[in-house]
Amino acid sequence: MPKDRARFLRVKCKDCPNEQIVFERAASVVACQVCGAVILEPTGGKALVRAEVIGVVE
């Protein structure tokens, strides 16, 4: 069985100091929980990250 290589990322919103954890292959738009800015946009594979990636959650 193939191993899934998708990861969870800790990102920081560019519009406010909020940090949150998101899935890098999100299938829908992910917005900041504080200010509502778009953080991730789906592309059919890995999502387009519109925030600063702080690290990978292991």
N, C-alpha and C. Protein backbone atom coordinates (compact mmCIF):
# COMPACT_ATOMS: atom_id res chain seq x y z
N MET A 1 0.84 -1.17 0.00
CA MET A 1 0.00 0.00 0.00
C MET A 1 0.89 1.24 0.00
N PRO A 2 0.64 2.21 -0.91
CA PRO A 2 1.48 3.40 -0.95
C PRO A 2 1.28 4.29 0.28
N LYS A 3 2.36 4.91 0.69
CA LYS A 3 2.31 5.80 1.84
C LYS A 3 1.86 7.20 1.40
N ASP A 4 0.94 7.79 2.15
CA ASP A 4 0.48 9.13 1.85
C ASP A 4 1.56 10.13 2.25
N ARG A 5 1.95 10.99 1.35
CA ARG A 5 3.03 11.94 1.62
C ARG A 5 2.52 13.32 2.00
N ALA A 6 1.23 13.46 2.16
CA ALA A 6 0.66 14.75 2.56
C ALA A 6 0.98 15.03 4.03
N ARG A 7 1.13 16.31 4.34
CA ARG A 7 1.50 16.70 5.70
C ARG A 7 0.60 17.80 6.20
N PHE A 8 0.67 18.03 7.48
CA PHE A 8 0.00 19.17 8.09
C PHE A 8 1.05 20.25 8.29
N LEU A 9 0.66 21.49 8.02
CA LEU A 9 1.59 22.62 8.12
C LEU A 9 1.11 23.60 9.18
N ARG A 10 2.06 24.18 9.90
CA ARG A 10 1.74 25.29 10.81
C ARG A 10 2.03 26.55 10.01
N VAL A 11 1.01 27.39 9.84
CA VAL A 11 1.16 28.61 9.05
C VAL A 11 0.78 29.83 9.88
N LYS A 12 1.34 30.98 9.48
CA LYS A 12 1.03 32.25 10.14
C LYS A 12 0.38 33.14 9.11
N CYS A 13 -0.76 33.69 9.46
CA CYS A 13 -1.51 34.59 8.58
C CYS A 13 -0.67 35.83 8.28
N LYS A 14 -0.73 36.31 7.04
CA LYS A 14 0.02 37.51 6.67
C LYS A 14 -0.68 38.79 7.12
N ASP A 15 -1.98 38.71 7.42
CA ASP A 15 -2.74 39.90 7.79
C ASP A 15 -2.88 40.10 9.30
N CYS A 16 -2.64 39.05 10.08
CA CYS A 16 -2.75 39.16 11.54
C CYS A 16 -1.76 38.17 12.17
N PRO A 17 -1.58 38.20 13.48
CA PRO A 17 -0.59 37.32 14.12
C PRO A 17 -1.07 35.88 14.37
N ASN A 18 -2.23 35.50 13.83
CA ASN A 18 -2.79 34.17 14.08
C ASN A 18 -1.94 33.07 13.43
N GLU A 19 -1.75 31.98 14.17
CA GLU A 19 -1.11 30.77 13.65
C GLU A 19 -2.13 29.65 13.72
N GLN A 20 -2.17 28.81 12.68
CA GLN A 20 -3.05 27.65 12.71
C GLN A 20 -2.45 26.52 11.90
N ILE A 21 -2.99 25.33 12.10
CA ILE A 21 -2.51 24.13 11.43
C ILE A 21 -3.47 23.79 10.30
N VAL A 22 -2.92 23.55 9.10
CA VAL A 22 -3.73 23.25 7.93
C VAL A 22 -3.17 22.03 7.21
N PHE A 23 -4.01 21.36 6.42
CA PHE A 23 -3.61 20.20 5.63
C PHE A 23 -3.10 20.71 4.28
N GLU A 24 -1.91 20.27 3.85
CA GLU A 24 -1.31 20.82 2.65
C GLU A 24 -2.02 20.43 1.35
N ARG A 25 -2.90 19.45 1.40
CA ARG A 25 -3.67 19.06 0.22
C ARG A 25 -5.17 19.34 0.43
N ALA A 26 -5.46 20.51 0.95
CA ALA A 26 -6.84 20.89 1.24
C ALA A 26 -7.66 20.92 -0.05
N ALA A 27 -8.89 20.44 0.03
CA ALA A 27 -9.79 20.39 -1.12
C ALA A 27 -10.72 21.60 -1.18
N SER A 28 -10.68 22.45 -0.18
CA SER A 28 -11.51 23.66 -0.18
C SER A 28 -10.69 24.82 0.35
N VAL A 29 -11.18 26.01 0.13
CA VAL A 29 -10.47 27.22 0.57
C VAL A 29 -10.43 27.24 2.10
N VAL A 30 -9.26 27.55 2.65
CA VAL A 30 -9.09 27.65 4.10
C VAL A 30 -8.86 29.12 4.44
N ALA A 31 -9.68 29.63 5.36
CA ALA A 31 -9.57 31.03 5.77
C ALA A 31 -9.00 31.12 7.18
N CYS A 32 -8.38 32.24 7.48
CA CYS A 32 -7.88 32.52 8.83
C CYS A 32 -9.05 32.55 9.79
N GLN A 33 -8.89 31.93 10.94
CA GLN A 33 -9.96 31.86 11.93
C GLN A 33 -10.18 33.18 12.65
N VAL A 34 -9.22 34.10 12.55
CA VAL A 34 -9.33 35.38 13.25
C VAL A 34 -9.82 36.49 12.31
N CYS A 35 -9.12 36.69 11.19
CA CYS A 35 -9.45 37.82 10.32
C CYS A 35 -10.18 37.43 9.04
N GLY A 36 -10.22 36.15 8.69
CA GLY A 36 -10.94 35.69 7.52
C GLY A 36 -10.16 35.75 6.22
N ALA A 37 -8.89 36.10 6.26
CA ALA A 37 -8.06 36.13 5.04
C ALA A 37 -7.86 34.71 4.52
N VAL A 38 -7.72 34.58 3.20
CA VAL A 38 -7.51 33.26 2.59
C VAL A 38 -6.09 32.80 2.88
N ILE A 39 -5.97 31.59 3.45
CA ILE A 39 -4.67 31.02 3.79
C ILE A 39 -4.24 29.97 2.76
N LEU A 40 -5.19 29.12 2.34
CA LEU A 40 -4.92 28.06 1.36
C LEU A 40 -5.98 28.08 0.27
N GLU A 41 -5.54 27.83 -0.97
CA GLU A 41 -6.46 27.70 -2.09
C GLU A 41 -6.22 26.34 -2.73
N PRO A 42 -7.26 25.55 -2.98
CA PRO A 42 -7.08 24.23 -3.58
C PRO A 42 -6.65 24.33 -5.04
N THR A 43 -5.84 23.36 -5.49
CA THR A 43 -5.37 23.34 -6.88
C THR A 43 -5.60 21.98 -7.53
N GLY A 44 -6.15 21.03 -6.81
CA GLY A 44 -6.32 19.68 -7.33
C GLY A 44 -5.25 18.74 -6.82
N GLY A 45 -4.22 19.26 -6.22
CA GLY A 45 -3.14 18.49 -5.61
C GLY A 45 -2.76 19.21 -4.33
N LYS A 46 -1.50 19.60 -4.25
CA LYS A 46 -1.09 20.42 -3.11
C LYS A 46 -1.73 21.79 -3.23
N ALA A 47 -2.20 22.29 -2.12
CA ALA A 47 -2.87 23.59 -2.11
C ALA A 47 -1.86 24.72 -2.24
N LEU A 48 -2.31 25.84 -2.77
CA LEU A 48 -1.49 27.03 -2.88
C LEU A 48 -1.53 27.76 -1.54
N VAL A 49 -0.38 27.87 -0.89
CA VAL A 49 -0.29 28.47 0.44
C VAL A 49 -0.12 29.97 0.29
N ARG A 50 -1.05 30.74 0.87
CA ARG A 50 -1.02 32.20 0.81
C ARG A 50 -0.59 32.79 2.15
N ALA A 51 0.01 31.99 3.01
CA ALA A 51 0.47 32.42 4.33
C ALA A 51 1.92 31.98 4.50
N GLU A 52 2.53 32.44 5.58
CA GLU A 52 3.91 32.06 5.88
C GLU A 52 3.94 30.69 6.55
N VAL A 53 4.68 29.75 5.96
CA VAL A 53 4.80 28.41 6.54
C VAL A 53 5.85 28.47 7.65
N ILE A 54 5.44 28.14 8.86
CA ILE A 54 6.34 28.17 10.01
C ILE A 54 7.04 26.83 10.17
N GLY A 55 6.31 25.74 9.92
CA GLY A 55 6.92 24.42 10.06
C GLY A 55 5.95 23.32 9.70
N VAL A 56 6.45 22.10 9.77
CA VAL A 56 5.67 20.91 9.48
C VAL A 56 5.33 20.23 10.79
N VAL A 57 4.08 19.83 10.95
CA VAL A 57 3.64 19.14 12.16
C VAL A 57 3.94 17.65 11.97
N GLU A 58 4.69 17.09 12.88
CA GLU A 58 5.06 15.66 12.78
C GLU A 58 4.10 14.81 13.55
